[in-house]
């Protein structure tokens, strides 16, 4: 069994991260958790489950020295604790890990959760961060093993980044669904009273251009002006927040469209909603769709994104939208859902069954991790 350090840049709780570490621990691997940020609720949860947590403590504000100090810290940490494998997670940690591998006998597995389109007609201008591209190029070149969670990320990296195919491995996310608490029914009822409607629509995604909220807003406006009794609840935060808020205000949609922001009661909002509209063009293996599926709710997602095509069957357990012009499909989907509530309910129940069957049986996924480590 291997001694693994999970190297991560966040202290926020994640069912997927917690589940992965706990399942690896269950089969005998020794797990250490190290972050580039201060300790937080994620560290607390892991400590409660017997996983030791650490932080690098690097505070330099100068980029070169910051990365150099983190690289040396990680290398020395792995030697001090006799670590066999570094699990680098997300671009920030992966960049540090692929350089640290030159100063430690520990092997590095880089976990990648994204790729960015650089061409195509998706209804929005594709603004790509050049520094992120540079970081990805360095990681792709230096990493000897990269794990992605879905065929969507795999295919995107092959098409747009021209990466060496032999480095890439697909291993699905691990979820212990028992970690999700049941939504507070009192809060659910309060949401339903506050946002009364025949159809409640929810959008849950970081407010960034690639999630394409603004592309769908005119469709909501059109249906509201036609007299459709709908409420649209937009959860999360991000740099597009003010643009979205301005659209709602300018078009006098405040009584029907609501910027909820970040909330710890996200499961209650999901339970109160009838359907998730998710026009994002880039995903790894989206957790929100799984979470709302657990609430027996229907979803509308874009075909060819992440791993949606692997488990969403169009018009059976969800809706698949055209990635190039989802607003056309959104209008049709909402009209159909509005007039066929029983069909929508059945779709959500089928999605729940699909989620449990595909992502709830985790033993074979854990085995893929162990088999991969044997090949390093």
Protein backbone atom coordinates (compact mmCIF):
# COMPACT_ATOMS: atom_id res chain seq x y z
CA UNK A 1 0.00 0.00 0.00
CA UNK A 2 1.18 3.49 -0.85
CA UNK A 3 1.74 6.59 1.24
CA UNK A 4 0.01 9.44 -0.58
CA UNK A 5 0.05 13.19 -0.07
CA UNK A 6 -2.95 14.91 -1.56
CA UNK A 7 -1.72 18.38 -2.56
CA UNK A 8 -4.53 20.92 -2.93
CA UNK A 9 -5.01 24.72 -3.06
CA UNK A 10 -8.33 25.01 -1.16
CA UNK A 11 -9.77 24.55 2.33
CA UNK A 12 -13.44 24.40 1.28
CA UNK A 13 -15.40 21.19 1.78
CA UNK A 14 -15.93 18.94 -1.22
CA UNK A 15 -17.85 15.66 -1.09
CA UNK A 16 -15.87 14.40 -4.07
CA UNK A 17 -12.47 15.13 -2.47
CA UNK A 18 -13.47 13.80 0.94
CA UNK A 19 -14.96 10.64 -0.57
CA UNK A 20 -11.85 9.94 -2.63
CA UNK A 21 -9.46 10.28 0.30
CA UNK A 22 -11.63 8.26 2.66
CA UNK A 23 -12.09 5.42 0.18
CA UNK A 24 -8.35 5.23 -0.50
CA UNK A 25 -7.76 5.16 3.24
CA UNK A 26 -10.29 2.35 3.65
CA UNK A 27 -8.36 0.03 1.35
CA UNK A 28 -5.13 0.58 3.25
CA UNK A 29 -3.34 3.55 1.70
CA UNK A 30 -1.91 6.10 4.13
CA UNK A 31 -3.21 9.56 3.26
CA UNK A 32 -1.73 12.96 4.13
CA UNK A 33 -3.48 16.18 3.13
CA UNK A 34 -1.40 19.27 2.30
CA UNK A 35 -2.64 22.66 1.10
CA UNK A 36 -1.10 25.90 -0.10
CA UNK A 37 -3.71 27.79 1.94
CA UNK A 38 -4.47 27.97 5.65
CA UNK A 39 -6.50 25.26 7.39
CA UNK A 40 -10.27 25.38 7.11
CA UNK A 41 -13.42 23.28 7.26
CA UNK A 42 -12.05 20.71 4.82
CA UNK A 43 -9.03 20.10 7.04
CA UNK A 44 -11.33 19.78 10.06
CA UNK A 45 -13.50 17.18 8.35
CA UNK A 46 -10.53 15.10 7.22
CA UNK A 47 -8.93 15.25 10.68
CA UNK A 48 -12.20 13.97 12.17
CA UNK A 49 -11.88 10.99 9.85
CA UNK A 50 -8.30 10.16 10.78
CA UNK A 51 -6.42 11.92 7.98
CA UNK A 52 -3.53 14.16 9.05
CA UNK A 53 -3.55 17.61 7.47
CA UNK A 54 -0.79 20.15 6.85
CA UNK A 55 -0.21 23.51 5.16
CA UNK A 56 2.86 24.79 3.31
CA UNK A 57 2.72 28.13 5.14
CA UNK A 58 4.32 30.00 2.23
CA UNK A 59 3.25 33.65 2.27
CA UNK A 60 5.64 35.34 -0.18
CA UNK A 61 3.81 37.83 -2.40
CA UNK A 62 6.38 37.62 -5.18
CA UNK A 63 5.33 35.02 -7.73
CA UNK A 64 8.77 33.52 -8.44
CA UNK A 65 9.72 33.17 -4.79
CA UNK A 66 6.24 31.92 -3.89
CA UNK A 67 6.42 29.04 -6.32
CA UNK A 68 10.06 28.27 -5.55
CA UNK A 69 9.34 28.07 -1.82
CA UNK A 70 6.32 25.84 -2.39
CA UNK A 71 8.27 23.55 -4.72
CA UNK A 72 11.04 23.10 -2.15
CA UNK A 73 8.55 22.69 0.70
CA UNK A 74 6.66 19.95 -1.16
CA UNK A 75 9.87 18.13 -2.09
CA UNK A 76 11.18 18.25 1.49
CA UNK A 77 7.77 17.30 2.90
CA UNK A 78 7.61 14.16 0.77
CA UNK A 79 11.12 13.12 1.79
CA UNK A 80 10.50 13.83 5.48
CA UNK A 81 7.25 11.83 5.53
CA UNK A 82 8.56 9.14 3.13
CA UNK A 83 5.73 9.77 0.67
CA UNK A 84 5.42 7.45 -2.32
CA UNK A 85 2.99 9.42 -4.47
CA UNK A 86 1.93 13.07 -4.79
CA UNK A 87 -1.64 13.64 -5.93
CA UNK A 88 -1.57 17.16 -7.35
CA UNK A 89 -5.04 18.64 -7.68
CA UNK A 90 -6.00 21.69 -9.78
CA UNK A 91 -3.66 23.80 -11.88
CA UNK A 92 -2.05 25.73 -9.02
CA UNK A 93 -0.98 22.62 -7.10
CA UNK A 94 -0.08 20.69 -10.24
CA UNK A 95 2.31 23.41 -11.40
CA UNK A 96 4.18 23.17 -8.10
CA UNK A 97 4.10 19.36 -8.03
CA UNK A 98 5.57 18.79 -11.51
CA UNK A 99 8.64 20.85 -10.56
CA UNK A 100 8.93 19.28 -7.10
CA UNK A 101 9.21 15.83 -8.70
CA UNK A 102 12.79 16.66 -9.73
CA UNK A 103 13.81 16.97 -6.08
CA UNK A 104 12.06 13.97 -4.54
CA UNK A 105 11.75 10.24 -5.23
CA UNK A 106 7.95 10.53 -4.87
CA UNK A 107 5.96 10.04 -8.09
CA UNK A 108 3.46 12.69 -9.22
CA UNK A 109 -0.07 12.14 -10.51
CA UNK A 110 -1.61 15.37 -11.77
CA UNK A 111 -5.41 15.52 -11.49
CA UNK A 112 -6.86 17.76 -14.18
CA UNK A 113 -10.45 19.05 -14.03
CA UNK A 114 -10.68 21.43 -16.96
CA UNK A 115 -9.90 22.36 -20.49
CA UNK A 116 -10.73 25.59 -22.29
CA UNK A 117 -12.09 25.93 -25.80
CA UNK A 118 -10.03 28.22 -28.01
CA UNK A 119 -12.30 28.23 -31.04
CA UNK A 120 -15.88 27.62 -32.03
CA UNK A 121 -19.21 29.43 -32.13
CA UNK A 122 -20.78 29.18 -28.68
CA UNK A 123 -22.70 32.46 -28.51
CA UNK A 124 -20.13 34.21 -26.32
CA UNK A 125 -16.64 35.62 -26.93
CA UNK A 126 -14.04 33.07 -25.84
CA UNK A 127 -11.58 34.99 -23.68
CA UNK A 128 -8.71 32.74 -22.72
CA UNK A 129 -6.29 33.60 -19.90
CA UNK A 130 -2.81 33.41 -21.44
CA UNK A 131 -1.15 32.68 -18.09
CA UNK A 132 -3.47 29.71 -17.56
CA UNK A 133 -2.56 28.40 -21.00
CA UNK A 134 1.16 28.71 -20.18
CA UNK A 135 0.69 26.89 -16.88
CA UNK A 136 -1.22 24.08 -18.61
CA UNK A 137 1.49 23.72 -21.25
CA UNK A 138 4.17 23.37 -18.57
CA UNK A 139 2.11 20.83 -16.61
CA UNK A 140 1.29 18.84 -19.76
CA UNK A 141 4.96 18.70 -20.73
CA UNK A 142 6.42 17.83 -17.32
CA UNK A 143 3.72 15.57 -15.87
CA UNK A 144 4.23 11.88 -16.54
CA UNK A 145 0.72 10.88 -15.50
CA UNK A 146 -2.45 12.98 -15.75
CA UNK A 147 -5.88 11.82 -14.53
CA UNK A 148 -9.08 13.35 -15.90
CA UNK A 149 -12.62 12.55 -14.70
CA UNK A 150 -14.45 12.29 -18.01
CA UNK A 151 -14.22 11.69 -21.72
CA UNK A 152 -15.18 15.34 -22.22
CA UNK A 153 -11.96 16.60 -20.61
CA UNK A 154 -9.93 13.82 -22.28
CA UNK A 155 -11.25 14.64 -25.76
CA UNK A 156 -10.89 18.38 -25.20
CA UNK A 157 -7.25 18.04 -24.14
CA UNK A 158 -6.51 15.81 -27.12
CA UNK A 159 -8.20 18.19 -29.57
CA UNK A 160 -7.15 21.58 -28.26
CA UNK A 161 -3.91 20.89 -26.37
CA UNK A 162 -2.42 18.07 -28.45
CA UNK A 163 -1.16 16.28 -25.35
CA UNK A 164 0.67 12.96 -25.42
CA UNK A 165 -2.13 10.40 -25.27
CA UNK A 166 -0.06 7.95 -23.22
CA UNK A 167 -0.06 10.36 -20.26
CA UNK A 168 -3.84 10.62 -19.97
CA UNK A 169 -6.03 8.33 -17.86
CA UNK A 170 -9.78 8.62 -17.26
CA UNK A 171 -10.93 7.81 -13.73
CA UNK A 172 -14.42 8.97 -12.69
CA UNK A 173 -15.00 10.98 -9.54
CA UNK A 174 -15.80 9.14 -6.33
CA UNK A 175 -18.89 10.20 -4.37
CA UNK A 176 -20.08 8.95 -1.02
CA UNK A 177 -23.63 10.24 -1.38
CA UNK A 178 -24.34 9.59 2.32
CA UNK A 179 -22.20 12.69 3.03
CA UNK A 180 -24.97 14.89 1.63
CA UNK A 181 -27.38 15.96 4.35
CA UNK A 182 -31.08 15.97 3.62
CA UNK A 183 -32.39 19.47 2.85
CA UNK A 184 -34.21 21.25 5.65
CA UNK A 185 -37.88 20.90 4.68
CA UNK A 186 -38.84 24.08 6.55
CA UNK A 187 -36.37 26.04 4.42
CA UNK A 188 -37.65 24.28 1.29
CA UNK A 189 -41.20 25.34 2.13
CA UNK A 190 -40.06 28.93 2.78
CA UNK A 191 -38.39 29.04 -0.65
CA UNK A 192 -41.53 27.71 -2.32
CA UNK A 193 -43.66 30.35 -0.59
CA UNK A 194 -41.25 33.19 -1.37
CA UNK A 195 -40.84 32.18 -5.02
CA UNK A 196 -44.31 30.90 -5.85
CA UNK A 197 -44.71 29.76 -9.44
CA UNK A 198 -46.04 26.97 -11.60
CA UNK A 199 -42.44 26.19 -12.62
CA UNK A 200 -39.32 27.02 -10.61
CA UNK A 201 -36.10 27.02 -12.63
CA UNK A 202 -32.68 26.95 -11.02
CA UNK A 203 -29.21 27.76 -12.37
CA UNK A 204 -26.25 26.72 -10.21
CA UNK A 205 -22.84 27.58 -11.61
CA UNK A 206 -19.98 29.97 -11.12
CA UNK A 207 -20.97 33.31 -12.69
CA UNK A 208 -18.38 33.30 -15.48
CA UNK A 209 -18.77 33.67 -19.27
CA UNK A 210 -18.14 29.96 -19.99
CA UNK A 211 -21.30 29.05 -18.01
CA UNK A 212 -23.32 31.24 -20.44
CA UNK A 213 -26.05 32.53 -18.12
CA UNK A 214 -26.45 35.69 -20.22
CA UNK A 215 -27.14 33.64 -23.34
CA UNK A 216 -30.27 32.17 -21.74
CA UNK A 217 -31.61 35.27 -19.99
CA UNK A 218 -33.42 36.61 -23.12
CA UNK A 219 -35.30 33.30 -23.36
CA UNK A 220 -36.48 33.67 -19.76
CA UNK A 221 -37.49 37.26 -20.59
CA UNK A 222 -39.49 36.15 -23.62
CA UNK A 223 -41.40 33.49 -21.69
CA UNK A 224 -42.08 35.79 -18.74
CA UNK A 225 -43.43 38.47 -21.07
CA UNK A 226 -45.69 35.84 -22.67
CA UNK A 227 -47.20 35.25 -19.24
CA UNK A 228 -45.45 32.05 -18.18
CA UNK A 229 -45.68 31.68 -14.39
CA UNK A 230 -42.02 30.90 -13.76
CA UNK A 231 -39.41 31.88 -11.19
CA UNK A 232 -35.69 31.71 -12.01
CA UNK A 233 -33.25 31.26 -9.13
CA UNK A 234 -29.56 31.93 -9.92
CA UNK A 235 -27.12 30.56 -7.34
CA UNK A 236 -23.38 31.19 -6.81
CA UNK A 237 -21.04 34.13 -7.32
CA UNK A 238 -18.53 35.28 -9.94
CA UNK A 239 -17.26 38.16 -12.08
CA UNK A 240 -20.38 38.17 -14.29
CA UNK A 241 -22.63 38.93 -11.32
CA UNK A 242 -23.10 42.66 -11.98
CA UNK A 243 -23.71 42.14 -15.71
CA UNK A 244 -26.42 39.59 -14.96
CA UNK A 245 -27.95 41.74 -12.25
CA UNK A 246 -27.99 44.73 -14.64
CA UNK A 247 -29.82 42.71 -17.32
CA UNK A 248 -32.50 41.71 -14.81
CA UNK A 249 -32.92 45.29 -13.60
CA UNK A 250 -32.93 46.91 -17.05
CA UNK A 251 -35.57 44.48 -18.30
CA UNK A 252 -37.71 44.82 -15.15
CA UNK A 253 -37.50 41.10 -14.36
CA UNK A 254 -36.79 41.47 -10.62
CA UNK A 255 -40.08 39.82 -9.64
CA UNK A 256 -39.27 36.71 -11.68
CA UNK A 257 -35.47 36.36 -11.78
CA UNK A 258 -33.40 36.35 -8.60
CA UNK A 259 -29.65 36.48 -7.94
CA UNK A 260 -29.42 34.31 -4.83
CA UNK A 261 -25.61 34.22 -4.68
CA UNK A 262 -23.69 31.69 -2.59
CA UNK A 263 -25.78 29.84 -0.02
CA UNK A 264 -25.18 26.93 2.33
CA UNK A 265 -28.82 25.95 1.74
CA UNK A 266 -28.16 25.01 -1.90
CA UNK A 267 -29.75 21.57 -1.44
CA UNK A 268 -32.95 23.22 -0.18
CA UNK A 269 -33.06 25.44 -3.27
CA UNK A 270 -32.51 22.38 -5.47
CA UNK A 271 -35.29 20.52 -3.70
CA UNK A 272 -37.64 23.48 -4.13
CA UNK A 273 -36.86 23.79 -7.84
CA UNK A 274 -38.39 21.82 -10.70
CA UNK A 275 -35.58 21.86 -13.25
CA UNK A 276 -31.91 22.85 -13.57
CA UNK A 277 -30.96 24.77 -16.71
CA UNK A 278 -27.20 24.43 -17.27
CA UNK A 279 -25.88 25.83 -20.59
CA UNK A 280 -22.17 25.58 -19.65
CA UNK A 281 -19.75 24.72 -22.47
CA UNK A 282 -17.00 23.34 -20.25
CA UNK A 283 -17.19 20.84 -17.41
CA UNK A 284 -15.15 18.02 -15.94
CA UNK A 285 -17.80 15.85 -14.29
CA UNK A 286 -20.35 18.27 -12.92
CA UNK A 287 -21.30 17.79 -9.27
CA UNK A 288 -24.37 20.05 -9.39
CA UNK A 289 -26.15 17.75 -11.85
CA UNK A 290 -25.50 14.81 -9.54
CA UNK A 291 -26.67 16.77 -6.49
CA UNK A 292 -29.92 17.89 -8.09
CA UNK A 293 -30.44 14.38 -9.47
CA UNK A 294 -30.29 13.11 -5.90
CA UNK A 295 -33.23 15.44 -5.22
CA UNK A 296 -35.22 13.74 -8.03
CA UNK A 297 -35.17 16.87 -10.17
CA UNK A 298 -34.80 17.18 -13.93
CA UNK A 299 -31.86 18.78 -15.75
CA UNK A 300 -31.09 20.36 -19.12
CA UNK A 301 -27.39 20.21 -20.08
CA UNK A 302 -25.35 20.60 -23.26
CA UNK A 303 -24.49 17.63 -25.40
CA UNK A 304 -20.77 16.95 -25.75
CA UNK A 305 -19.82 18.60 -22.45
CA UNK A 306 -18.02 16.74 -19.64
CA UNK A 307 -19.48 13.28 -19.14
CA UNK A 308 -23.13 14.23 -19.68
CA UNK A 309 -23.39 12.09 -22.81
CA UNK A 310 -22.33 9.08 -20.76
CA UNK A 311 -25.43 9.09 -18.53
CA UNK A 312 -28.01 11.62 -19.72
CA UNK A 313 -30.47 10.08 -22.19
CA UNK A 314 -32.29 12.85 -24.01
CA UNK A 315 -36.01 13.16 -23.12
CA UNK A 316 -35.75 10.17 -20.77
CA UNK A 317 -33.72 11.09 -17.68
CA UNK A 318 -32.85 14.63 -18.78
CA UNK A 319 -32.61 17.02 -21.68
CA UNK A 320 -29.54 17.35 -23.93
CA UNK A 321 -29.20 20.77 -25.56
CA UNK A 322 -27.33 21.80 -28.69
CA UNK A 323 -24.03 23.23 -27.45
CA UNK A 324 -23.93 25.90 -30.19
CA UNK A 325 -27.41 27.36 -29.61
CA UNK A 326 -28.84 26.11 -26.30
CA UNK A 327 -31.27 29.03 -26.03
CA UNK A 328 -33.42 27.46 -28.75
CA UNK A 329 -33.62 24.21 -26.82
CA UNK A 330 -34.19 26.01 -23.51
CA UNK A 331 -37.34 27.64 -24.86
CA UNK A 332 -38.70 24.32 -26.09
CA UNK A 333 -37.74 22.53 -22.86
CA UNK A 334 -39.39 25.11 -20.58
CA UNK A 335 -42.58 25.12 -22.63
CA UNK A 336 -42.73 21.33 -22.47
CA UNK A 337 -41.87 21.16 -18.76
CA UNK A 338 -44.43 23.84 -17.94
CA UNK A 339 -47.24 21.93 -19.64
CA UNK A 340 -46.15 18.41 -18.61
CA UNK A 341 -45.28 18.44 -14.88
CA UNK A 342 -45.79 14.69 -14.48
CA UNK A 343 -43.34 13.98 -17.30
CA UNK A 344 -40.82 16.33 -15.68
CA UNK A 345 -41.21 14.58 -12.31
CA UNK A 346 -40.70 11.17 -13.91
CA UNK A 347 -37.56 12.44 -15.64
CA UNK A 348 -36.12 13.57 -12.30
CA UNK A 349 -36.85 10.23 -10.68
CA UNK A 350 -35.10 8.41 -13.53
CA UNK A 351 -32.09 10.71 -13.20
CA UNK A 352 -31.90 9.87 -9.50
CA UNK A 353 -31.72 6.16 -10.31
CA UNK A 354 -29.06 6.79 -12.96
CA UNK A 355 -26.89 8.85 -10.61
CA UNK A 356 -27.01 6.20 -7.88
CA UNK A 357 -26.22 3.36 -10.28
CA UNK A 358 -23.39 5.10 -12.14
CA UNK A 359 -21.67 7.12 -9.42
CA UNK A 360 -22.77 5.47 -6.18
CA UNK A 361 -20.98 2.16 -6.75
CA UNK A 362 -17.43 3.19 -5.98
CA UNK A 363 -15.43 0.01 -5.33
CA UNK A 364 -14.42 -0.42 -8.98
CA UNK A 365 -13.40 3.25 -9.22
CA UNK A 366 -11.13 2.96 -6.17
CA UNK A 367 -9.57 -0.10 -7.78
CA UNK A 368 -8.67 2.02 -10.82
CA UNK A 369 -6.68 4.32 -8.55
CA UNK A 370 -4.75 1.40 -7.06
CA UNK A 371 -4.06 -0.14 -10.47
CA UNK A 372 -2.78 3.17 -11.84
CA UNK A 373 -0.37 3.62 -8.94
CA UNK A 374 1.11 0.18 -9.63
CA UNK A 375 2.12 1.32 -13.11
CA UNK A 376 4.20 4.32 -11.97
